[in-house]
Amino acid sequence: MGNNLKEKLPLIVGVGLPILLIVYVAISYYLSAFFVKPQYDFIYTSDSSYDYNLKVVGGTITEDSVDYNYSNTSNRYKAAPSTYYYDAQTDRSRSITLSEAQSYTIDPSTKSPDGYTVERASSGGIFGGGYENGYYLKGHGFSKKINISADRYNFRFLGWVVNE
C-alpha cells in the first residue's frame, strides 16, 4: 500500500497543485470584492454628446453649451447630457437630472477622500488579445467590478459626492 502511494505521488501532485492554484485564485478574486467598502458615491455622465461640456467648478457641476457656429442653429436640437448617481453601498446607478446633480458638493479628484478610484477594465488577455468591458472601484489593494449605466466609450467620471 505504501509503495503504491509512493508511485502515484507525482500524479497526485501534478493534478492537485493546479487544482489548488485555481481554487486559490478564485477565492482571492471573489473575496477581494468583500473588502472594497467605499464611503463616497460618485456622479458620472454616459453621453457622447458634443453639445455640452460638464465640469466641476468650485464643488458644483457646471454646464457649458458648446456653440459650433452652425449656419442654422435655431433648428438644431441639442440633447442634454444624461447624468447618473452611483451609490457605492448598493452598487447601483440611478439617472438624475442635471439640476439634481448640481445640488451636491462634488470633489472632482480621481481618488476619493477614502482612497478609491474608478478605473476602466484593462484589456490584454494572456497573449495581448481579448477585451473586457466594465469599470472597477479600486483601492487599498482590492478591486470590485461595479454596475454602471454606461458603455466603454461614453463613461465620463465627474466627481465624488462629498455631501448629500
Foldseek 3Di string as FASTA:
>chain_A
DVVVCVVCVVVCCVVVVVVVVVVVVVCVQVVLQVVDQDPWKFKKWADPFPQWDWADDQQFIDIDGDDPPDVPVVPDDGDDTWMWIQDRVVLDIDTDDNVVRRVFGFDQDQADPVGKGKAFDDAQPDHGDGDDWFIWIDGPHGIDTGDDDHTDPRIDTHGIGPDD
